[in-house]
Amino acid sequence: DHVAYNLEEEDFLVDTIKIWVNTSRTRDSDKFYTSGQLWTQWSEYSRDPANFVKTYKNAVALGKKLWSLQETLSSVLDIDYKFDTDGSRLWKFAPK
């Protein structure tokens, strides 16, 4: 079922972000990250790194997913974004 898969995928991403947000290395909640930086870190923090890499093939795919899940993610995390001088989106996440 496609809807169940999407919910599973969202839960997987939310779980990964929560792990990352709650680690001491990432407590600087004022820092903005590129999708590439997030992809690299989250692929390491995920409970299932191989599945993370399979699901979000690269930083571009992850960035698109974050953009489409903003509302869902903001219900469980403080999320913000801005654009850098090149027009690339930078993301900031913190615990609610």
Protein backbone atom coordinates (compact mmCIF):
# COMPACT_ATOMS: atom_id res chain seq x y z
CA ASP A 1 0.00 0.00 0.00
CA HIS A 2 1.54 3.27 -1.21
CA VAL A 3 0.11 5.41 1.62
CA ALA A 4 1.44 3.04 4.30
CA TYR A 5 4.85 3.12 2.61
CA ASN A 6 4.88 6.92 2.67
CA LEU A 7 3.97 6.98 6.36
CA GLU A 8 6.68 4.42 7.08
CA GLU A 9 9.17 6.50 5.11
CA GLU A 10 8.15 9.66 7.01
CA ASP A 11 8.49 7.86 10.37
CA PHE A 12 11.92 6.61 9.33
CA LEU A 13 13.07 10.12 8.44
CA VAL A 14 11.55 11.69 11.58
CA ASP A 15 13.23 9.04 13.74
CA THR A 16 16.60 9.71 12.09
CA ILE A 17 16.27 13.49 12.51
CA LYS A 18 15.24 13.12 16.17
CA ILE A 19 18.30 10.97 16.89
CA TRP A 20 20.51 13.55 15.20
CA VAL A 21 18.89 16.55 16.90
CA ASN A 22 19.24 14.96 20.35
CA THR A 23 22.97 14.21 20.09
CA SER A 24 25.49 16.46 21.75
CA ARG A 25 27.40 17.21 18.52
CA THR A 26 24.37 18.82 16.94
CA ARG A 27 23.06 20.90 19.83
CA ASP A 28 23.90 24.16 18.03
CA SER A 29 20.28 24.73 17.11
CA ASP A 30 21.11 28.07 15.47
CA LYS A 31 23.20 26.46 12.74
CA PHE A 32 21.80 25.99 9.24
CA TYR A 33 22.90 22.97 7.18
CA THR A 34 22.90 22.19 3.47
CA SER A 35 21.04 19.10 2.26
CA GLY A 36 24.46 17.58 1.55
CA GLN A 37 25.64 18.08 5.12
CA LEU A 38 22.37 16.66 6.45
CA TRP A 39 22.47 13.67 4.09
CA THR A 40 26.00 12.79 5.21
CA GLN A 41 25.24 13.11 8.91
CA TRP A 42 21.82 11.50 8.84
CA SER A 43 23.07 8.51 6.86
CA GLU A 44 25.41 7.90 9.81
CA TYR A 45 22.86 8.57 12.56
CA SER A 46 20.06 6.50 11.04
CA ARG A 47 19.14 3.24 12.77
CA ASP A 48 19.38 1.65 9.31
CA PRO A 49 22.06 3.48 7.29
CA ALA A 50 21.75 1.18 4.26
CA ASN A 51 18.01 1.84 4.07
CA PHE A 52 18.58 5.58 4.48
CA VAL A 53 20.97 5.63 1.52
CA LYS A 54 18.59 3.47 -0.52
CA THR A 55 15.57 5.68 0.30
CA TYR A 56 17.30 9.05 -0.08
CA LYS A 57 19.79 8.38 -2.87
CA ASN A 58 21.55 11.74 -2.58
CA ALA A 59 21.34 15.22 -1.09
CA VAL A 60 19.04 16.47 -3.85
CA ALA A 61 16.51 13.69 -3.15
CA LEU A 62 16.70 14.40 0.58
CA GLY A 63 16.23 18.14 0.03
CA LYS A 64 13.12 17.54 -2.06
CA LYS A 65 11.74 15.21 0.62
CA LEU A 66 12.39 17.75 3.38
CA TRP A 67 10.62 20.43 1.34
CA SER A 68 7.57 18.21 0.79
CA LEU A 69 7.45 17.05 4.44
CA GLN A 70 7.92 20.46 6.06
CA GLU A 71 4.46 20.51 7.59
CA THR A 72 4.74 16.96 8.93
CA LEU A 73 8.22 17.56 10.31
CA SER A 74 7.23 20.85 11.94
CA SER A 75 4.61 19.02 14.00
CA VAL A 76 7.37 17.09 15.83
CA LEU A 77 10.47 19.30 15.44
CA ASP A 78 11.32 22.98 15.23
CA ILE A 79 12.28 23.36 11.59
CA ASP A 80 13.39 26.42 9.67
CA TYR A 81 15.06 27.16 6.36
CA LYS A 82 16.67 30.03 4.53
CA PHE A 83 18.45 30.50 1.23
CA ASP A 84 22.19 30.99 0.89
CA THR A 85 23.78 33.39 -1.59
CA ASP A 86 23.59 30.73 -4.34
CA GLY A 87 19.86 30.23 -3.79
CA SER A 88 20.35 26.82 -2.15
CA ARG A 89 18.07 25.99 0.75
CA LEU A 90 19.70 25.68 4.17
CA TRP A 91 17.91 23.81 6.96
CA LYS A 92 17.82 24.18 10.72
CA PHE A 93 16.33 21.61 13.10
CA ALA A 94 15.86 21.65 16.86
CA PRO A 95 13.79 19.70 19.38
CA LYS A 96 10.26 21.03 19.98
